[in-house]
Amino acid sequence: MLQEYEEFIRDYLGLIEKEKGVLGEYSRIISTPTVKNVFLGPFALIESAAKVEDSTILSNREEKVEIKEGAIVEHSIIQWGSEVTSMSIVSESVLTEHSHVERHGKVTQSLLGPNTGVAEGEVTASLVGPFVGFHHQSLLIAALWPEGKGNVGYGANVGSNHTSKAPDQEIWCGEGTFFGLGTNIKFPANFKKSPYSIIATGVTTLPQKVEFPFSLINSPAVNLPGVSPAFNEIIPGWVLSDNLFTIRRNEGKYRKRNKARRSRFDFEVLRPDIVDLMIEARERLKNIPEVKDFYLGKDLPGLGKNYLFEKNRKKAVDIYTFFIRYYALCGLKNKLEESNEWKDILVKESSHTRWEHERKIILQEFPGKGLKELLQMLAEMQERIAEMVEESKRKDDVRGKKIIEDYESAHTCAEDDSFVKETWQETRKILQEIKGLLSRC
């Protein structure tokens, strides 16, 4: 396959080779000393840039590309709607549609997915997926992050790819990973099966593989016998149990902020592949050989170089179970709404892949339960989720008032937060729809 791909590229380059630069209609070059060997698409703007060389700039009337304010672009492809501004550098890289680099940001030998932005920080030798926020001085190097939807906080050093032997180490980031302020991530690292996890402020992680979705990895609060002080504490499922506001808000935020026209995204967090990771993680948490006060990776595969307290193991089983079941029951509601024939709907195999996945989970999680009882449980879970969203936001109010005297005067309280209100509005709508389905049972 690699040989076929190389042949395709060679043939393609032969077809598009030009002896001169090409300027598309209504493209503009203003106050820029060097523009060399460039394909400049229609309506693109190069203004007051330092130089633009050996690059392809794809642009059109609705999705103008702008390279300006001292920026440097060389040996790169800049796609529709993208921007490189304010003395940023893009070298040997691809900026896919509606991505941007600004405020001295540096992108080298990398690919940025749609709607991703790099400001002030440095991205080197990485594949960064869509909707990654990178707005402060920080480093991301040798990272494979195709699913994106994450954040790199100020001072985060995600880049220890050099072992003093060779710069050949790497990291696989999970979808929605949040690297907190001042984190130090040692390579090799693999968080691919830990989507939507948070590595807390100031944490230094050892080389490891973590396989628990929606986890919090935090600095150790206690010294445990026989455990290296370099090990951190992990709380699987914490993002669901204690920070649901963020997860639910991000689904809508990314949908609203999406400008890409050529790429398709699945904004839903609770979807089959992530639910399967939750099911796998729950089974490992349940099937421990021996109950202990705390667990390490040798006791519970997937913990990485972290420890897990027993109380958090039990809590993780419960929260994973809640959202696995919620996902499946939401699928049941959707199926009932689109179907006129409800008889044997739970036992009859379906060719619809998503519903078949949801149906099998229902049969496993709710043996012997009827449609009416399942819908009633969904209604209770839906209301509980709205409460969890508000509770996770209210934590900020409680903490803030203890620390800042006039906190209330400058911050919107949880019950008045626009997203919390939107969540309750959507919840009431869903409850009415469930009520209508129950009337047909």
Protein backbone atom coordinates (compact mmCIF):
# COMPACT_ATOMS: atom_id res chain seq x y z
CA MET A 1 0.00 0.00 0.00
CA LEU A 2 2.85 2.39 0.79
CA GLN A 3 4.38 1.76 -2.61
CA GLU A 4 1.02 2.43 -4.32
CA TYR A 5 0.62 5.64 -2.33
CA GLU A 6 4.12 6.84 -3.31
CA GLU A 7 3.38 6.12 -6.97
CA PHE A 8 0.12 8.05 -6.76
CA ILE A 9 1.88 11.04 -5.20
CA ARG A 10 4.61 10.97 -7.84
CA ASP A 11 2.06 10.90 -10.68
CA TYR A 12 -0.03 13.63 -9.04
CA LEU A 13 2.96 15.93 -8.55
CA GLY A 14 3.84 15.47 -12.21
CA LEU A 15 0.39 16.71 -13.20
CA ILE A 16 0.38 19.83 -11.04
CA GLU A 17 3.98 21.00 -11.49
CA LYS A 18 4.30 24.60 -12.65
CA GLU A 19 7.28 26.66 -13.77
CA LYS A 20 5.89 29.81 -12.20
CA GLY A 21 3.83 30.91 -9.25
CA VAL A 22 0.08 31.15 -9.78
CA LEU A 23 -2.12 33.97 -8.50
CA GLY A 24 -5.86 33.30 -8.40
CA GLU A 25 -8.45 35.93 -9.25
CA TYR A 26 -8.87 38.70 -6.68
CA SER A 27 -5.90 37.42 -4.68
CA ARG A 28 -3.72 40.17 -3.17
CA ILE A 29 -0.08 40.52 -2.15
CA ILE A 30 0.64 43.67 -0.16
CA SER A 31 3.84 44.91 1.53
CA THR A 32 5.50 41.48 1.58
CA PRO A 33 9.18 41.28 0.53
CA THR A 34 9.27 37.61 -0.51
CA VAL A 35 6.59 35.55 -2.22
CA LYS A 36 8.20 32.71 -4.16
CA ASN A 37 6.94 29.51 -5.80
CA VAL A 38 3.43 29.94 -4.46
CA PHE A 39 0.02 28.85 -5.67
CA LEU A 40 -2.23 31.59 -4.28
CA GLY A 41 -5.91 30.72 -4.56
CA PRO A 42 -8.74 33.12 -5.36
CA PHE A 43 -9.44 35.91 -2.83
CA ALA A 44 -6.42 34.95 -0.68
CA LEU A 45 -4.55 37.75 1.08
CA ILE A 46 -0.83 38.03 1.85
CA GLU A 47 -0.26 41.32 3.66
CA SER A 48 2.83 42.47 5.57
CA ALA A 49 4.06 38.88 5.89
CA ALA A 50 7.78 38.19 6.33
CA LYS A 51 7.83 35.60 3.54
CA VAL A 52 5.71 32.98 1.82
CA GLU A 53 7.65 30.37 -0.14
CA ASP A 54 7.12 26.99 -1.81
CA SER A 55 3.53 26.71 -0.60
CA THR A 56 0.00 26.13 -1.79
CA ILE A 57 -2.70 28.46 -0.50
CA LEU A 58 -6.25 27.19 -1.18
CA SER A 59 -8.88 29.89 -0.92
CA ASN A 60 -12.22 31.05 -2.31
CA ARG A 61 -14.64 33.95 -1.97
CA GLU A 62 -16.46 32.53 1.10
CA GLU A 63 -13.39 31.00 2.77
CA LYS A 64 -10.57 33.49 2.33
CA VAL A 65 -7.10 32.61 3.58
CA GLU A 66 -5.08 35.37 5.24
CA ILE A 67 -1.32 35.39 5.87
CA LYS A 68 -0.23 38.65 7.45
CA GLU A 69 1.43 40.63 10.25
CA GLY A 70 4.97 39.28 9.93
CA ALA A 71 4.02 35.63 9.48
CA ILE A 72 6.27 33.09 7.74
CA VAL A 73 4.86 30.24 5.65
CA GLU A 74 7.20 27.86 3.84
CA HIS A 75 6.93 24.40 2.25
CA SER A 76 3.33 24.13 3.45
CA ILE A 77 -0.29 23.75 2.41
CA ILE A 78 -2.82 26.21 3.84
CA GLN A 79 -6.43 25.21 3.21
CA TRP A 80 -9.64 27.18 2.92
CA GLY A 81 -10.55 29.69 5.61
CA SER A 82 -7.28 29.31 7.52
CA GLU A 83 -5.17 32.13 8.94
CA VAL A 84 -1.48 32.57 9.78
CA THR A 85 -0.96 35.91 11.53
CA SER A 86 0.93 37.95 14.14
CA MET A 87 4.48 36.73 13.48
CA SER A 88 3.64 33.03 13.48
CA ILE A 89 5.68 30.40 11.65
CA VAL A 90 4.30 27.48 9.62
CA SER A 91 6.94 25.24 8.07
CA GLU A 92 6.60 21.91 6.25
CA SER A 93 3.04 21.55 7.51
CA VAL A 94 -0.59 21.33 6.51
CA LEU A 95 -3.27 23.58 7.95
CA THR A 96 -6.60 22.02 7.05
CA GLU A 97 -9.73 24.09 6.59
CA HIS A 98 -10.49 26.84 9.09
CA SER A 99 -7.48 26.22 11.31
CA HIS A 100 -5.24 29.06 12.45
CA VAL A 101 -1.83 29.91 13.88
CA GLU A 102 -1.37 33.25 15.63
CA ARG A 103 0.53 35.24 18.29
CA HIS A 104 4.02 33.83 17.58
CA GLY A 105 2.73 30.25 17.31
CA LYS A 106 5.02 27.71 15.61
CA VAL A 107 3.86 24.71 13.60
CA THR A 108 6.59 22.55 12.08
CA GLN A 109 6.31 19.24 10.20
CA SER A 110 2.75 18.82 11.44
CA LEU A 111 -0.86 18.65 10.36
CA LEU A 112 -3.59 20.67 12.09
CA GLY A 113 -7.15 19.41 11.80
CA PRO A 114 -10.14 21.62 10.97
CA ASN A 115 -11.08 24.32 13.49
CA THR A 116 -7.86 23.83 15.48
CA GLY A 117 -5.90 26.86 16.67
CA VAL A 118 -2.32 27.30 17.86
CA ALA A 119 -1.35 30.55 19.57
CA GLU A 120 2.00 31.27 21.25
CA GLY A 121 2.81 27.55 21.62
CA GLU A 122 4.80 25.11 19.51
CA VAL A 123 3.60 22.06 17.59
CA THR A 124 6.27 19.84 16.02
CA ALA A 125 6.07 16.49 14.20
CA SER A 126 2.46 15.95 15.23
CA LEU A 127 -0.91 15.06 13.78
CA VAL A 128 -3.44 17.21 15.64
CA GLY A 129 -7.12 16.58 15.05
CA PRO A 130 -10.06 18.98 14.92
CA PHE A 131 -11.13 21.44 17.62
CA VAL A 132 -7.92 21.41 19.66
CA GLY A 133 -7.39 24.54 21.75
CA PHE A 134 -3.76 25.58 22.08
CA HIS A 135 -3.79 29.21 23.17
CA HIS A 136 -0.74 29.65 25.42
CA GLN A 137 2.99 29.01 25.55
CA SER A 138 3.26 25.24 25.62
CA LEU A 139 4.74 22.36 23.65
CA LEU A 140 3.26 19.46 21.72
CA ILE A 141 5.72 17.21 19.90
CA ALA A 142 5.57 13.74 18.34
CA ALA A 143 1.86 13.46 19.10
CA LEU A 144 -0.76 11.39 17.31
CA TRP A 145 -4.11 13.00 18.13
CA PRO A 146 -6.45 12.34 15.19
CA GLU A 147 -9.72 12.67 17.13
CA GLY A 148 -8.73 16.04 18.63
CA LYS A 149 -11.38 17.97 20.65
CA GLY A 150 -8.91 18.59 23.46
CA ASN A 151 -6.92 21.34 25.10
CA VAL A 152 -3.28 22.10 25.87
CA GLY A 153 -2.96 24.44 28.85
CA TYR A 154 -0.33 27.07 29.54
CA GLY A 155 3.10 25.64 30.29
CA ALA A 156 2.17 22.09 29.35
CA ASN A 157 5.19 20.14 28.13
CA VAL A 158 3.84 17.30 26.04
CA GLY A 159 7.06 16.49 24.37
CA SER A 160 9.70 14.38 26.13
CA ASN A 161 10.42 12.45 22.95
CA HIS A 162 14.18 12.51 23.52
CA THR A 163 15.58 9.80 25.79
CA SER A 164 19.17 11.08 25.38
CA LYS A 165 19.63 8.12 23.03
CA ALA A 166 17.42 9.32 20.17
CA PRO A 167 14.39 11.58 19.67
CA ASP A 168 12.19 8.62 18.77
CA GLN A 169 9.45 8.52 21.44
CA GLU A 170 5.81 9.52 20.98
CA ILE A 171 2.40 10.04 22.54
CA TRP A 172 -1.04 8.86 21.47
CA CYS A 173 -3.59 11.29 22.86
CA GLY A 174 -7.19 10.33 23.43
CA GLU A 175 -10.15 12.26 22.08
CA GLY A 176 -10.95 15.23 24.29
CA THR A 177 -7.80 14.93 26.43
CA PHE A 178 -7.19 18.00 28.60
CA PHE A 179 -3.56 18.72 29.49
CA GLY A 180 -3.67 21.09 32.45
CA LEU A 181 -1.41 24.01 33.34
CA GLY A 182 2.24 23.09 33.75
CA THR A 183 1.85 19.38 33.11
CA ASN A 184 4.89 17.32 32.11
CA ILE A 185 4.06 14.26 30.04
CA LYS A 186 6.87 11.74 29.76
CA PHE A 187 7.04 9.60 26.62
CA PRO A 188 6.10 7.06 25.44
CA ALA A 189 2.53 7.60 26.49
CA ASN A 190 -0.77 6.17 25.29
CA PHE A 191 -4.11 7.71 26.34
CA LYS A 192 -5.99 6.57 23.24
CA LYS A 193 -8.41 4.44 25.27
CA SER A 194 -8.92 7.18 27.85
CA PRO A 195 -10.99 9.70 25.90
CA TYR A 196 -12.15 12.88 27.63
CA SER A 197 -9.68 12.52 30.48
CA ILE A 198 -8.06 15.36 32.41
CA ILE A 199 -4.44 15.54 33.53
CA ALA A 200 -4.60 18.06 36.36
CA THR A 201 -2.48 21.16 36.86
CA GLY A 202 1.19 20.55 37.65
CA VAL A 203 1.07 16.79 37.22
CA THR A 204 4.10 14.92 35.89
CA THR A 205 3.20 11.57 34.35
CA LEU A 206 5.55 8.64 33.89
CA PRO A 207 5.71 6.69 30.59
CA GLN A 208 2.51 4.67 30.59
CA LYS A 209 -0.65 3.37 28.94
CA VAL A 210 -3.97 4.37 30.53
CA GLU A 211 -7.25 2.74 29.48
CA PHE A 212 -10.04 4.31 31.54
CA PRO A 213 -12.30 6.86 29.79
CA PHE A 214 -13.31 10.14 31.45
CA SER A 215 -10.57 9.87 34.08
CA LEU A 216 -8.89 12.45 36.29
CA ILE A 217 -5.16 11.99 36.84
CA ASN A 218 -4.07 14.10 39.80
CA SER A 219 -0.95 14.55 41.92
CA PRO A 220 -0.66 12.02 44.78
CA ALA A 221 -2.26 13.27 48.00
CA VAL A 222 -0.72 10.58 50.24
CA ASN A 223 2.33 8.34 50.38
CA LEU A 224 1.34 4.70 50.04
CA PRO A 225 3.48 1.77 51.19
CA GLY A 226 5.37 0.12 48.36
CA VAL A 227 4.27 2.76 45.82
CA SER A 228 6.72 5.07 44.07
CA PRO A 229 6.15 8.74 44.98
CA ALA A 230 6.23 9.41 41.22
CA PHE A 231 2.91 7.56 40.82
CA ASN A 232 -0.19 9.76 40.53
CA GLU A 233 -3.76 9.11 41.63
CA ILE A 234 -6.33 8.16 38.99
CA ILE A 235 -10.10 8.44 39.37
CA PRO A 236 -11.80 6.65 36.44
CA GLY A 237 -15.10 8.19 35.32
CA TRP A 238 -14.51 11.38 37.37
CA VAL A 239 -15.27 13.65 34.42
CA LEU A 240 -18.73 12.07 34.16
CA SER A 241 -19.47 12.08 37.88
CA ASP A 242 -18.00 15.47 38.84
CA ASN A 243 -17.52 17.51 35.66
CA LEU A 244 -20.45 16.64 33.41
CA PHE A 245 -21.08 20.31 32.61
CA THR A 246 -17.91 20.36 30.50
CA ILE A 247 -18.75 17.23 28.52
CA ARG A 248 -22.31 18.24 27.71
CA ARG A 249 -21.33 21.82 26.90
CA ASN A 250 -18.52 20.76 24.57
CA GLU A 251 -20.91 18.77 22.37
CA GLY A 252 -22.87 21.92 21.56
CA LYS A 253 -19.82 24.20 21.54
CA TYR A 254 -18.01 22.27 18.84
CA ARG A 255 -21.17 21.98 16.76
CA LYS A 256 -21.70 25.76 16.89
CA ARG A 257 -18.05 26.61 16.21
CA ASN A 258 -17.61 24.26 13.27
CA LYS A 259 -16.82 26.12 10.05
CA ALA A 260 -15.50 23.18 8.03
CA ARG A 261 -17.39 22.26 4.88
CA ARG A 262 -15.37 19.32 3.63
CA SER A 263 -14.96 17.36 6.85
CA ARG A 264 -17.63 15.48 8.78
CA PHE A 265 -17.56 15.18 12.57
CA ASP A 266 -19.44 13.17 15.14
CA PHE A 267 -20.04 15.62 17.98
CA GLU A 268 -21.78 13.03 20.16
CA VAL A 269 -19.61 11.92 23.09
CA LEU A 270 -21.68 8.89 24.15
CA ARG A 271 -21.43 6.94 20.90
CA PRO A 272 -20.77 3.22 20.32
CA ASP A 273 -16.96 3.20 20.20
CA ILE A 274 -16.60 5.24 23.40
CA VAL A 275 -19.34 3.26 25.16
CA ASP A 276 -17.46 0.06 24.29
CA LEU A 277 -14.36 1.49 25.97
CA MET A 278 -16.49 2.21 29.05
CA ILE A 279 -17.83 -1.35 29.05
CA GLU A 280 -14.31 -2.79 28.81
CA ALA A 281 -13.09 -0.51 31.60
CA ARG A 282 -16.04 -1.42 33.83
CA GLU A 283 -15.41 -5.13 33.39
CA ARG A 284 -11.79 -4.72 34.45
CA LEU A 285 -12.87 -2.71 37.48
CA LYS A 286 -15.45 -5.33 38.47
CA ASN A 287 -13.32 -8.42 37.91
CA ILE A 288 -10.54 -7.71 40.36
CA PRO A 289 -8.92 -10.85 41.82
CA GLU A 290 -8.86 -9.41 45.35
CA VAL A 291 -10.41 -6.40 47.11
CA LYS A 292 -7.71 -4.04 48.39
CA ASP A 293 -7.47 -0.55 49.87
CA PHE A 294 -5.79 0.60 46.68
CA TYR A 295 -4.72 -0.88 43.33
CA LEU A 296 -1.79 -0.58 40.94
CA GLY A 297 -1.38 -1.58 37.31
CA LYS A 298 -0.30 -5.09 38.30
CA ASP A 299 -3.68 -5.52 40.07
CA LEU A 300 -5.83 -3.76 37.49
CA PRO A 301 -4.65 -3.54 33.86
CA GLY A 302 -5.00 -0.12 32.28
CA LEU A 303 -4.18 1.96 35.36
CA GLY A 304 -0.75 2.88 34.00
CA LYS A 305 1.72 4.33 36.53
CA ASN A 306 -1.06 5.44 38.87
CA TYR A 307 -2.86 4.13 41.93
CA LEU A 308 -6.62 3.77 42.45
CA PHE A 309 -8.39 3.75 45.81
CA GLU A 310 -11.09 1.12 46.45
CA LYS A 311 -13.77 3.76 47.09
CA ASN A 312 -13.06 5.28 43.66
CA ARG A 313 -13.08 1.84 42.01
CA LYS A 314 -16.64 1.23 43.23
CA LYS A 315 -17.68 4.75 42.29
CA ALA A 316 -16.24 4.26 38.78
CA VAL A 317 -18.21 1.02 38.29
CA ASP A 318 -21.41 2.86 39.24
CA ILE A 319 -20.84 5.91 37.03
CA TYR A 320 -19.79 3.83 34.00
CA THR A 321 -22.88 1.65 34.50
CA PHE A 322 -25.16 4.68 34.72
CA PHE A 323 -23.96 6.19 31.43
CA ILE A 324 -23.74 2.87 29.57
CA ARG A 325 -27.38 2.28 30.44
CA TYR A 326 -28.35 5.86 29.65
CA TYR A 327 -26.79 5.56 26.19
CA ALA A 328 -28.74 2.36 25.48
CA LEU A 329 -32.05 3.71 26.76
CA CYS A 330 -31.67 6.84 24.64
CA GLY A 331 -31.29 4.51 21.69
CA LEU A 332 -34.51 2.74 22.70
CA LYS A 333 -36.37 6.06 22.81
CA ASN A 334 -35.11 6.96 19.33
CA LYS A 335 -36.09 3.54 17.98
CA LEU A 336 -39.60 3.74 19.42
CA GLU A 337 -40.11 7.22 17.97
CA GLU A 338 -39.22 6.08 14.46
CA SER A 339 -41.03 2.74 14.55
CA ASN A 340 -44.74 1.91 14.38
CA GLU A 341 -44.24 -1.74 15.29
CA TRP A 342 -43.13 -2.18 18.90
CA LYS A 343 -43.86 -5.87 19.31
CA ASP A 344 -40.70 -7.89 20.00
CA ILE A 345 -38.63 -4.75 19.36
CA LEU A 346 -36.14 -5.74 22.06
CA VAL A 347 -35.68 -9.35 21.04
CA LYS A 348 -35.77 -8.98 17.27
CA GLU A 349 -32.34 -8.62 15.65
CA SER A 350 -31.85 -5.54 13.52
CA SER A 351 -29.69 -4.68 10.52
CA HIS A 352 -29.32 -1.15 11.92
CA THR A 353 -25.81 -1.19 13.44
CA ARG A 354 -26.35 1.52 16.06
CA TRP A 355 -29.68 0.16 17.31
CA GLU A 356 -28.32 -3.39 17.39
CA HIS A 357 -25.48 -2.18 19.61
CA GLU A 358 -27.93 -0.40 21.91
CA ARG A 359 -30.39 -3.32 21.92
CA LYS A 360 -27.76 -5.84 23.03
CA ILE A 361 -26.73 -3.56 25.90
CA ILE A 362 -30.36 -3.25 27.01
CA LEU A 363 -30.80 -7.03 27.05
CA GLN A 364 -27.60 -7.43 29.06
CA GLU A 365 -28.20 -4.56 31.50
CA PHE A 366 -31.97 -4.92 31.96
CA PRO A 367 -32.92 -8.61 31.66
CA GLY A 368 -36.67 -9.12 31.77
CA LYS A 369 -37.58 -5.42 31.79
CA GLY A 370 -40.49 -4.20 29.65
CA LEU A 371 -40.72 -1.06 27.53
CA LYS A 372 -42.74 0.90 30.09
CA GLU A 373 -40.30 0.25 32.90
CA LEU A 374 -37.33 1.07 30.67
CA LEU A 375 -38.83 4.39 29.59
CA GLN A 376 -39.60 5.31 33.19
CA MET A 377 -35.96 4.63 34.10
CA LEU A 378 -34.81 6.79 31.19
CA ALA A 379 -36.96 9.67 32.43
CA GLU A 380 -35.39 9.43 35.89
CA MET A 381 -31.88 9.25 34.42
CA GLN A 382 -32.51 12.22 32.12
CA GLU A 383 -33.57 14.37 35.05
CA ARG A 384 -30.60 13.17 37.10
CA ILE A 385 -28.22 14.18 34.29
CA ALA A 386 -29.63 17.72 34.25
CA GLU A 387 -29.09 17.86 38.01
CA MET A 388 -25.49 16.63 37.59
CA VAL A 389 -24.78 19.32 34.99
CA GLU A 390 -26.05 22.03 37.35
CA GLU A 391 -24.25 20.53 40.35
CA SER A 392 -20.91 20.43 38.53
CA LYS A 393 -21.29 24.12 37.64
CA ARG A 394 -22.40 25.03 41.19
CA LYS A 395 -19.10 23.75 42.58
CA ASP A 396 -17.46 26.83 41.05
CA ASP A 397 -19.97 29.07 42.84
CA VAL A 398 -19.33 27.48 46.24
CA ARG A 399 -15.56 27.57 45.92
CA GLY A 400 -15.48 31.05 44.40
CA LYS A 401 -17.56 32.64 47.18
CA LYS A 402 -15.23 31.20 49.80
CA ILE A 403 -12.21 32.83 48.15
CA ILE A 404 -13.38 36.04 46.42
CA GLU A 405 -15.55 38.44 48.44
CA ASP A 406 -17.55 39.82 45.49
CA TYR A 407 -17.56 36.60 43.47
CA GLU A 408 -21.35 36.59 43.09
CA SER A 409 -21.42 40.10 41.64
CA ALA A 410 -19.02 39.17 38.82
CA HIS A 411 -20.09 35.59 38.01
CA THR A 412 -23.33 34.04 36.84
CA CYS A 413 -24.60 31.51 39.35
CA ALA A 414 -25.27 27.94 38.21
CA GLU A 415 -29.06 28.20 38.03
CA ASP A 416 -28.79 31.31 35.84
CA ASP A 417 -26.06 29.95 33.57
CA SER A 418 -27.24 29.91 29.96
CA PHE A 419 -26.10 26.36 29.31
CA VAL A 420 -27.65 25.06 32.54
CA LYS A 421 -30.94 26.70 31.52
CA GLU A 422 -30.62 25.18 28.05
CA THR A 423 -30.00 21.76 29.62
CA TRP A 424 -33.15 21.96 31.74
CA GLN A 425 -35.16 23.18 28.77
CA GLU A 426 -33.97 20.23 26.69
CA THR A 427 -34.63 17.88 29.61
CA ARG A 428 -38.24 19.02 29.95
CA LYS A 429 -38.72 18.49 26.21
CA ILE A 430 -37.31 14.95 26.41
CA LEU A 431 -39.46 14.14 29.45
CA GLN A 432 -42.55 15.20 27.51
CA GLU A 433 -41.53 12.99 24.61
CA ILE A 434 -41.04 10.05 26.99
CA LYS A 435 -44.44 10.75 28.50
CA GLY A 436 -45.96 10.53 25.02
CA LEU A 437 -44.26 7.17 24.40
CA LEU A 438 -45.45 5.84 27.77
CA SER A 439 -49.02 6.65 26.81
CA ARG A 440 -48.67 4.20 23.93
CA CYS A 441 -47.31 1.34 26.04
